Amino acid sequence: MKRKILLLVVFITSAFFGGCAPQQMYYLGNYSKTLYSLEKNQTEEALINHKQELEKIVAESKVRNLPVPPGIYAELGYINFKANNSQEAIKLFQTETQLYPESKHLMDRLIQSAEAKENTESDVSGLPTSKNSISN
């Protein structure tokens, strides 16, 4: 009889603690590993690997029906911004703002920078724009 009670207590205790296991909130893949590699080596290959890992995190989060971790869209946007892909950067910054409203102030500043960079690149052609032309 004591053995049955002991088994029952062990079973109930294990079921209780098993039910308290933390649920996975975000999928982070190999984020830490690729970020460390990028910071350590700072090569084009390391940057490409990290960018691919960020894109994988976004895709895998959707497959697993988990939210994309905070900062992932912002980091992807910043990588695109540095690569002179301002339109994609702006979209990613806006997505970060929609998912995480607390990032709005920073994302708005990055969007302004991306828009300014895009406008500067379009003015490089040397042709006067309506802002720069002088009316007679």
Protein backbone atom coordinates (compact mmCIF):
# COMPACT_ATOMS: atom_id res chain seq x y z
CA MET A 1 0.00 0.00 0.00
CA LYS A 2 2.83 2.39 0.89
CA ARG A 3 4.43 1.65 -2.44
CA LYS A 4 1.27 2.62 -4.33
CA ILE A 5 1.03 5.88 -2.41
CA LEU A 6 4.69 6.63 -3.08
CA LEU A 7 4.23 5.94 -6.82
CA LEU A 8 1.13 8.13 -6.86
CA VAL A 9 3.01 11.00 -5.16
CA VAL A 10 5.94 10.65 -7.57
CA PHE A 11 3.57 10.59 -10.57
CA ILE A 12 1.60 13.64 -9.41
CA THR A 13 4.81 15.56 -8.60
CA SER A 14 6.37 14.80 -11.99
CA ALA A 15 3.14 15.73 -13.80
CA PHE A 16 2.98 18.99 -11.85
CA PHE A 17 6.57 19.99 -12.60
CA GLY A 18 6.33 18.80 -16.20
CA GLY A 19 3.34 21.08 -16.73
CA CYS A 20 5.30 24.03 -15.38
CA ALA A 21 8.02 23.76 -18.02
CA PRO A 22 8.51 27.07 -19.80
CA GLN A 23 6.86 27.34 -23.20
CA GLN A 24 8.96 28.51 -26.12
CA MET A 25 8.12 32.15 -26.70
CA TYR A 26 10.40 32.88 -29.67
CA TYR A 27 12.39 30.94 -32.22
CA LEU A 28 15.98 32.24 -32.28
CA GLY A 29 17.71 29.56 -34.36
CA ASN A 30 21.48 30.15 -34.48
CA TYR A 31 21.19 33.90 -33.94
CA SER A 32 23.84 34.05 -31.21
CA LYS A 33 26.29 31.95 -33.19
CA THR A 34 26.01 33.97 -36.42
CA LEU A 35 26.07 37.30 -34.58
CA TYR A 36 29.21 36.26 -32.69
CA SER A 37 30.81 35.16 -35.96
CA LEU A 38 29.93 38.50 -37.57
CA GLU A 39 31.31 40.51 -34.66
CA LYS A 40 34.47 38.42 -34.52
CA ASN A 41 35.28 38.26 -38.24
CA GLN A 42 33.38 41.20 -39.80
CA THR A 43 33.63 39.72 -43.28
CA GLU A 44 31.14 39.78 -46.12
CA GLU A 45 30.62 36.04 -45.71
CA ALA A 46 29.80 36.42 -42.00
CA LEU A 47 27.36 39.23 -42.81
CA ILE A 48 25.63 37.09 -45.45
CA ASN A 49 25.39 34.16 -43.02
CA HIS A 50 23.91 36.38 -40.32
CA LYS A 51 21.40 37.93 -42.72
CA GLN A 52 20.35 34.46 -43.89
CA GLU A 53 19.91 33.39 -40.26
CA LEU A 54 17.70 36.43 -39.58
CA GLU A 55 15.58 35.58 -42.62
CA LYS A 56 15.39 31.96 -41.44
CA ILE A 57 14.22 33.13 -38.00
CA VAL A 58 11.40 35.12 -39.61
CA ALA A 59 10.34 32.18 -41.80
CA GLU A 60 10.64 29.55 -39.06
CA SER A 61 8.73 31.74 -36.59
CA LYS A 62 5.82 31.86 -39.02
CA VAL A 63 5.96 28.07 -39.54
CA ARG A 64 5.97 27.48 -35.76
CA ASN A 65 3.22 30.09 -35.25
CA LEU A 66 5.46 32.09 -32.92
CA PRO A 67 6.01 35.85 -32.93
CA VAL A 68 9.20 37.06 -34.56
CA PRO A 69 11.55 38.10 -31.74
CA PRO A 70 11.93 41.82 -31.04
CA GLY A 71 14.67 43.48 -33.05
CA ILE A 72 14.91 40.89 -35.83
CA TYR A 73 13.06 43.01 -38.40
CA ALA A 74 14.99 46.08 -37.24
CA GLU A 75 18.32 44.30 -37.65
CA LEU A 76 17.35 43.00 -41.09
CA GLY A 77 16.27 46.51 -42.01
CA TYR A 78 19.56 47.96 -40.84
CA ILE A 79 21.52 45.43 -42.90
CA ASN A 80 19.46 46.42 -45.96
CA PHE A 81 19.95 50.11 -45.13
CA LYS A 82 23.73 49.67 -45.03
CA ALA A 83 23.54 47.78 -48.36
CA ASN A 84 21.75 50.78 -49.97
CA ASN A 85 18.42 48.96 -50.19
CA SER A 86 16.42 51.73 -48.57
CA GLN A 87 12.95 50.65 -49.73
CA GLU A 88 13.30 47.18 -48.18
CA ALA A 89 14.82 48.72 -45.04
CA ILE A 90 11.85 51.05 -44.63
CA LYS A 91 9.39 48.12 -44.97
CA LEU A 92 11.26 46.14 -42.34
CA PHE A 93 11.45 49.11 -39.96
CA GLN A 94 7.70 49.63 -40.36
CA THR A 95 7.05 45.95 -39.64
CA GLU A 96 9.14 46.20 -36.46
CA THR A 97 7.08 49.22 -35.39
CA GLN A 98 3.80 47.39 -36.01
CA LEU A 99 4.86 44.34 -34.00
CA TYR A 100 6.65 46.21 -31.23
CA PRO A 101 5.18 49.73 -30.79
CA GLU A 102 7.72 50.55 -28.09
CA SER A 103 10.34 50.70 -30.85
CA LYS A 104 8.45 53.41 -32.75
CA HIS A 105 10.75 56.30 -31.82
CA LEU A 106 13.92 54.54 -32.96
CA MET A 107 12.28 53.03 -36.06
CA ASP A 108 10.92 56.45 -37.10
CA ARG A 109 14.44 57.90 -36.92
CA LEU A 110 15.81 55.00 -38.98
CA ILE A 111 13.01 55.42 -41.53
CA GLN A 112 13.86 59.12 -41.84
CA SER A 113 17.51 58.24 -42.39
CA ALA A 114 16.61 55.65 -45.03
CA GLU A 115 14.33 58.11 -46.82
CA ALA A 116 17.03 60.79 -46.75
CA LYS A 117 19.57 58.32 -48.10
CA GLU A 118 17.17 57.28 -50.85
CA ASN A 119 16.53 60.91 -51.81
CA THR A 120 20.26 61.63 -51.87
CA GLU A 121 20.87 58.65 -54.14
CA SER A 122 18.14 59.74 -56.53
CA ASP A 123 19.62 63.28 -56.68
CA VAL A 124 23.07 61.96 -57.64
CA SER A 125 22.12 61.96 -61.31
CA GLY A 126 23.13 65.63 -61.44
CA LEU A 127 19.82 66.80 -62.83
CA PRO A 128 18.09 69.55 -60.90
CA THR A 129 15.03 68.48 -58.96
CA SER A 130 11.99 70.62 -58.25
CA LYS A 131 13.44 71.45 -54.83
CA ASN A 132 16.77 72.57 -56.25
CA SER A 133 15.66 74.36 -59.42
CA ILE A 134 15.52 78.12 -59.55
CA SER A 135 12.45 79.78 -61.03
CA ASN A 136 12.86 82.76 -63.31
